[in-house]
C-alpha atoms as a PDB file:
ATOM      1  CA  MET A   1       8.242  -2.618 -42.393  1.00  0.00           C
ATOM      2  CA  LYS A   2       6.123  -3.205 -45.578  1.00  0.00           C
ATOM      3  CA  ASP A   3       4.414  -0.260 -47.140  1.00  0.00           C
ATOM      4  CA  ILE A   4       0.958  -0.747 -48.611  1.00  0.00           C
ATOM      5  CA  LEU A   5      -1.353   1.786 -50.153  1.00  0.00           C
ATOM      6  CA  LYS A   6      -5.198   1.225 -50.041  1.00  0.00           C
ATOM      7  CA  LYS A   7      -8.254   3.266 -50.993  1.00  0.00           C
ATOM      8  CA  VAL A   8     -11.115   3.482 -48.427  1.00  0.00           C
ATOM      9  CA  CYS A   9     -14.459   5.191 -49.316  1.00  0.00           C
ATOM     10  CA  ILE A  10     -16.532   6.870 -46.779  1.00  0.00           C
ATOM     11  CA  VAL A  11     -20.257   6.992 -47.722  1.00  0.00           C
ATOM     12  CA  GLY A  12     -23.466   8.166 -46.024  1.00  0.00           C
ATOM     13  CA  ASP A  13     -26.145  10.921 -46.158  1.00  0.00           C
ATOM     14  CA  PRO A  14     -25.133  14.626 -46.284  1.00  0.00           C
ATOM     15  CA  GLY A  15     -24.462  16.132 -42.815  1.00  0.00           C
ATOM     16  CA  VAL A  16     -23.592  12.816 -41.084  1.00  0.00           C
ATOM     17  CA  GLY A  17     -20.081  13.949 -40.380  1.00  0.00           C
ATOM     18  CA  LYS A  18     -18.068  12.139 -42.914  1.00  0.00           C
ATOM     19  CA  SER A  19     -15.653  14.975 -43.523  1.00  0.00           C
ATOM     20  CA  CYS A  20     -15.411  15.679 -39.837  1.00  0.00           C
ATOM     21  CA  LEU A  21     -14.469  12.049 -39.139  1.00  0.00           C
ATOM     22  CA  ILE A  22     -11.819  12.167 -41.745  1.00  0.00           C
ATOM     23  CA  LYS A  23     -10.363  15.453 -40.339  1.00  0.00           C
ATOM     24  CA  ARG A  24     -10.390  14.069 -36.801  1.00  0.00           C
ATOM     25  CA  PHE A  25      -8.583  10.877 -37.948  1.00  0.00           C
ATOM     26  CA  ALA A  26      -6.143  12.525 -40.411  1.00  0.00           C
ATOM     27  CA  ASP A  27      -5.375  15.819 -38.801  1.00  0.00           C
ATOM     28  CA  ASP A  28      -6.691  15.438 -35.172  1.00  0.00           C
ATOM     29  CA  THR A  29      -8.880  18.516 -35.752  1.00  0.00           C
ATOM     30  CA  PHE A  30     -12.604  19.391 -35.515  1.00  0.00           C
ATOM     31  CA  SER A  31     -14.746  22.323 -36.619  1.00  0.00           C
ATOM     32  CA  ASP A  32     -18.359  23.037 -35.680  1.00  0.00           C
ATOM     33  CA  LYS A  33     -18.701  24.923 -38.908  1.00  0.00           C
ATOM     34  CA  TYR A  34     -20.655  22.842 -41.412  1.00  0.00           C
ATOM     35  CA  THR A  35     -19.160  22.925 -44.880  1.00  0.00           C
ATOM     36  CA  HIS A  36     -21.059  21.009 -47.653  1.00  0.00           C
ATOM     37  CA  THR A  37     -18.637  18.842 -49.453  1.00  0.00           C
ATOM     38  CA  THR A  38     -18.815  19.239 -53.248  1.00  0.00           C
ATOM     39  CA  GLY A  39     -17.432  16.566 -55.433  1.00  0.00           C
ATOM     40  CA  THR A  40     -15.241  14.003 -53.727  1.00  0.00           C
ATOM     41  CA  LYS A  41     -12.420  14.912 -51.380  1.00  0.00           C
ATOM     42  CA  MET A  42      -9.430  12.732 -50.822  1.00  0.00           C
ATOM     43  CA  SER A  43      -7.209  12.679 -47.794  1.00  0.00           C
ATOM     44  CA  LYS A  44      -4.328  10.416 -46.894  1.00  0.00           C
ATOM     45  CA  LYS A  45      -3.297   8.968 -43.478  1.00  0.00           C
ATOM     46  CA  GLU A  46      -0.612   6.471 -42.545  1.00  0.00           C
ATOM     47  CA  MET A  47      -1.065   3.841 -39.869  1.00  0.00           C
ATOM     48  CA  GLU A  48       1.404   1.426 -38.581  1.00  0.00           C
ATOM     49  CA  PHE A  49       0.584  -2.136 -37.560  1.00  0.00           C
ATOM     50  CA  PRO A  50       3.714  -3.377 -35.820  1.00  0.00           C
ATOM     51  CA  ASP A  51       2.144  -6.751 -34.988  1.00  0.00           C
ATOM     52  CA  ILE A  52       1.906  -7.605 -38.785  1.00  0.00           C
ATOM     53  CA  ASP A  53       4.916  -5.426 -39.870  1.00  0.00           C
ATOM     54  CA  VAL A  54       2.853  -3.152 -42.143  1.00  0.00           C
ATOM     55  CA  ARG A  55       2.719   0.594 -42.699  1.00  0.00           C
ATOM     56  CA  LEU A  56      -0.655   1.387 -44.335  1.00  0.00           C
ATOM     57  CA  SER A  57      -1.177   4.478 -46.238  1.00  0.00           C
ATOM     58  CA  MET A  58      -4.987   4.945 -46.551  1.00  0.00           C
ATOM     59  CA  GLN A  59      -6.428   7.151 -49.282  1.00  0.00           C
ATOM     60  CA  LEU A  60      -9.724   8.295 -47.723  1.00  0.00           C
ATOM     61  CA  TRP A  61     -12.328   9.120 -50.287  1.00  0.00           C
ATOM     62  CA  ASP A  62     -15.164  11.387 -48.911  1.00  0.00           C
ATOM     63  CA  VAL A  63     -17.920  10.321 -51.331  1.00  0.00           C
ATOM     64  CA  VAL A  64     -20.776  12.791 -52.006  1.00  0.00           C
ATOM     65  CA  GLY A  65     -23.704  12.205 -54.238  1.00  0.00           C
ATOM     66  CA  PRO A  66     -26.678   9.860 -54.759  1.00  0.00           C
ATOM     67  CA  LYS A  67     -26.841   6.305 -53.353  1.00  0.00           C
ATOM     68  CA  SER A  68     -27.253   4.728 -56.688  1.00  0.00           C
ATOM     69  CA  PRO A  69     -24.873   2.108 -58.070  1.00  0.00           C
ATOM     70  CA  SER A  70     -24.495   3.951 -61.416  1.00  0.00           C
ATOM     71  CA  PHE A  71     -23.205   7.046 -59.554  1.00  0.00           C
ATOM     72  CA  LEU A  72     -21.119   5.238 -56.882  1.00  0.00           C
ATOM     73  CA  GLU A  73     -19.443   2.743 -59.306  1.00  0.00           C
ATOM     74  CA  GLY A  74     -16.642   5.161 -60.245  1.00  0.00           C
ATOM     75  CA  TYR A  75     -15.768   5.811 -56.667  1.00  0.00           C
ATOM     76  CA  ILE A  76     -16.166   2.306 -55.270  1.00  0.00           C
ATOM     77  CA  GLN A  77     -14.243   0.538 -57.857  1.00  0.00           C
ATOM     78  CA  GLY A  78     -10.789  -0.104 -56.613  1.00  0.00           C
ATOM     79  CA  ALA A  79     -11.735   0.554 -53.042  1.00  0.00           C
ATOM     80  CA  ALA A  80     -10.210  -1.922 -50.475  1.00  0.00           C
ATOM     81  CA  GLY A  81     -12.793  -0.946 -47.877  1.00  0.00           C
ATOM     82  CA  VAL A  82     -15.830   1.154 -47.196  1.00  0.00           C
ATOM     83  CA  MET A  83     -16.985   2.965 -44.041  1.00  0.00           C
ATOM     84  CA  ALA A  84     -20.604   3.720 -43.903  1.00  0.00           C
ATOM     85  CA  VAL A  85     -21.688   6.655 -41.641  1.00  0.00           C
ATOM     86  CA  CYS A  86     -25.043   7.514 -40.047  1.00  0.00           C
ATOM     87  CA  ASP A  87     -25.854  10.281 -37.584  1.00  0.00           C
ATOM     88  CA  VAL A  88     -27.360   9.309 -34.253  1.00  0.00           C
ATOM     89  CA  SER A  89     -29.546  12.407 -34.145  1.00  0.00           C
ATOM     90  CA  ARG A  90     -31.250  11.596 -37.462  1.00  0.00           C
ATOM     91  CA  ASP A  91     -32.799   8.005 -37.682  1.00  0.00           C
ATOM     92  CA  GLU A  92     -33.339   8.296 -41.367  1.00  0.00           C
ATOM     93  CA  THR A  93     -29.519   8.238 -41.894  1.00  0.00           C
ATOM     94  CA  LEU A  94     -29.349   4.676 -40.292  1.00  0.00           C
ATOM     95  CA  SER A  95     -32.236   3.368 -42.480  1.00  0.00           C
ATOM     96  CA  ASN A  96     -30.567   4.964 -45.542  1.00  0.00           C
ATOM     97  CA  LEU A  97     -27.448   2.927 -44.819  1.00  0.00           C
ATOM     98  CA  ASP A  98     -29.350  -0.047 -46.380  1.00  0.00           C
ATOM     99  CA  GLU A  99     -29.465   1.680 -49.688  1.00  0.00           C
ATOM    100  CA  TRP A 100     -25.861   2.909 -49.544  1.00  0.00           C
ATOM    101  CA  LEU A 101     -24.619  -0.470 -48.611  1.00  0.00           C
ATOM    102  CA  ALA A 102     -26.832  -2.308 -51.147  1.00  0.00           C
ATOM    103  CA  SER A 103     -25.257  -0.132 -53.875  1.00  0.00           C
ATOM    104  CA  VAL A 104     -21.685  -0.795 -52.464  1.00  0.00           C
ATOM    105  CA  ARG A 105     -22.437  -4.542 -52.406  1.00  0.00           C
ATOM    106  CA  HIS A 106     -23.771  -4.323 -55.964  1.00  0.00           C
ATOM    107  CA  ILE A 107     -20.502  -2.801 -57.100  1.00  0.00           C
ATOM    108  CA  ALA A 108     -18.059  -4.695 -54.878  1.00  0.00           C
ATOM    109  CA  PRO A 109     -19.760  -7.620 -53.127  1.00  0.00           C
ATOM    110  CA  ASP A 110     -16.735  -8.658 -51.030  1.00  0.00           C
ATOM    111  CA  VAL A 111     -15.352  -5.306 -49.932  1.00  0.00           C
ATOM    112  CA  PRO A 112     -14.901  -5.041 -46.155  1.00  0.00           C
ATOM    113  CA  VAL A 113     -17.323  -2.555 -44.523  1.00  0.00           C
ATOM    114  CA  VAL A 114     -17.340  -0.781 -41.150  1.00  0.00           C
ATOM    115  CA  ILE A 115     -20.394   1.120 -39.946  1.00  0.00           C
ATOM    116  CA  LEU A 116     -19.983   4.205 -37.897  1.00  0.00           C
ATOM    117  CA  ALA A 117     -22.818   5.898 -35.859  1.00  0.00           C
ATOM    118  CA  ASN A 118     -21.401   9.390 -35.608  1.00  0.00           C
ATOM    119  CA  LYS A 119     -22.218  12.198 -33.094  1.00  0.00           C
ATOM    120  CA  SER A 120     -22.575   9.938 -30.234  1.00  0.00           C
ATOM    121  CA  ASP A 121     -21.535  12.857 -28.013  1.00  0.00           C
ATOM    122  CA  MET A 122     -25.038  14.359 -28.819  1.00  0.00           C
ATOM    123  CA  THR A 123     -26.778  12.304 -26.092  1.00  0.00           C
ATOM    124  CA  ASP A 124     -29.786  14.725 -25.774  1.00  0.00           C
ATOM    125  CA  GLU A 125     -30.554  14.641 -29.449  1.00  0.00           C
ATOM    126  CA  ALA A 126     -29.764  10.969 -30.039  1.00  0.00           C
ATOM    127  CA  VAL A 127     -32.674   8.905 -31.677  1.00  0.00           C
ATOM    128  CA  VAL A 128     -30.461   6.093 -32.798  1.00  0.00           C
ATOM    129  CA  ASP A 129     -29.126   3.689 -30.169  1.00  0.00           C
ATOM    130  CA  SER A 130     -26.340   1.167 -30.288  1.00  0.00           C
ATOM    131  CA  GLN A 131     -28.817  -1.711 -30.481  1.00  0.00           C
ATOM    132  CA  SER A 132     -30.323  -0.376 -33.630  1.00  0.00           C
ATOM    133  CA  VAL A 133     -26.825   0.117 -35.113  1.00  0.00           C
ATOM    134  CA  ALA A 134     -25.941  -3.389 -34.066  1.00  0.00           C
ATOM    135  CA  ILE A 135     -28.886  -4.847 -35.894  1.00  0.00           C
ATOM    136  CA  ALA A 136     -28.014  -2.953 -39.172  1.00  0.00           C
ATOM    137  CA  ALA A 137     -24.386  -4.088 -38.830  1.00  0.00           C
ATOM    138  CA  ARG A 138     -25.418  -7.729 -38.576  1.00  0.00           C
ATOM    139  CA  ARG A 139     -27.418  -7.409 -41.758  1.00  0.00           C
ATOM    140  CA  PHE A 140     -24.140  -6.339 -43.570  1.00  0.00           C
ATOM    141  CA  LYS A 141     -21.871  -8.625 -41.522  1.00  0.00           C
ATOM    142  CA  ALA A 142     -19.995  -5.577 -40.550  1.00  0.00           C
ATOM    143  CA  PRO A 143     -18.436  -4.338 -37.220  1.00  0.00           C
ATOM    144  CA  TYR A 144     -19.830  -1.011 -36.000  1.00  0.00           C
ATOM    145  CA  TYR A 145     -18.546   1.801 -33.739  1.00  0.00           C
ATOM    146  CA  MET A 146     -20.359   4.635 -31.941  1.00  0.00           C
ATOM    147  CA  THR A 147     -18.183   7.593 -32.855  1.00  0.00           C
ATOM    148  CA  SER A 148     -17.827  11.199 -32.267  1.00  0.00           C
ATOM    149  CA  ALA A 149     -15.765  13.405 -34.579  1.00  0.00           C
ATOM    150  CA  ARG A 150     -16.176  16.222 -31.991  1.00  0.00           C
ATOM    151  CA  THR A 151     -14.608  14.328 -29.116  1.00  0.00           C
ATOM    152  CA  GLY A 152     -12.617  11.723 -31.027  1.00  0.00           C
ATOM    153  CA  VAL A 153     -14.430   8.800 -29.326  1.00  0.00           C
ATOM    154  CA  ASN A 154     -13.799   5.567 -31.249  1.00  0.00           C
ATOM    155  CA  VAL A 155     -12.459   7.519 -34.420  1.00  0.00           C
ATOM    156  CA  ALA A 156      -8.941   6.012 -34.447  1.00  0.00           C
ATOM    157  CA  LEU A 157     -10.328   2.739 -33.329  1.00  0.00           C
ATOM    158  CA  SER A 158     -12.716   2.446 -36.246  1.00  0.00           C
ATOM    159  CA  PHE A 159     -10.244   3.595 -38.792  1.00  0.00           C
ATOM    160  CA  GLY A 160      -7.870   1.026 -37.466  1.00  0.00           C
ATOM    161  CA  ALA A 161     -10.631  -1.614 -37.742  1.00  0.00           C
ATOM    162  CA  ILE A 162     -11.066  -0.865 -41.512  1.00  0.00           C
ATOM    163  CA  GLY A 163      -7.232  -0.679 -41.827  1.00  0.00           C
ATOM    164  CA  ARG A 164      -6.835  -4.127 -40.389  1.00  0.00           C
ATOM    165  CA  MET A 165      -9.783  -5.357 -42.543  1.00  0.00           C
ATOM    166  CA  VAL A 166      -8.251  -4.056 -45.861  1.00  0.00           C
ATOM    167  CA  LEU A 167      -5.059  -5.951 -44.956  1.00  0.00           C
ATOM    168  CA  GLY A 168      -7.072  -9.127 -44.553  1.00  0.00           C
ATOM    169  CA  GLU A 169      -6.691  -9.062 -40.780  1.00  0.00           C
ATOM    170  CA  ALA A 170      -9.555  -9.219 -38.147  1.00  0.00           C
ATOM    171  CA  PRO A 171     -10.336  -5.834 -36.372  1.00  0.00           C
ATOM    172  CA  LEU A 172      -9.431  -5.679 -32.711  1.00  0.00           C
ATOM    173  CA  ALA A 173     -12.158  -6.334 -30.352  1.00  0.00           C
ATOM    174  CA  VAL A 174     -13.507  -3.314 -28.514  1.00  0.00           C
END
């Protein structure tokens, strides 16, 4: 099996659940306690893709800070993929993905992107539906997933999708 290392950046507004998604994926844990990420945190997770004989080691960069290209450039440079996260209980986080992804595309025009609409388990508070996320995803030619770091719904699937994409493979259909 071939070993490959790739950097994947996770971007989005504060409080959308970027750190929780990474913890769910990397450690299979979740905490309700909100901790504001300061600086940039990096985690690592291995995934195996037996169908293409690859073991992918993903460096997951939890990016915090402004959406501007001048700030993001140091983080996005060298990234093989980007996961853009919004919170289904806060509609402005979906509209702000336009700015996040415009900055990402300015820095790395061809980097693969996956959009995650997180906190999908919060059905009573949801103001963003899958149709709205699908429209945003089409604008950026990106697959999207309705995820929940709390329950784990679609978390491994979405990270598997970006994993396949950074390897030059198509993500598996949902």
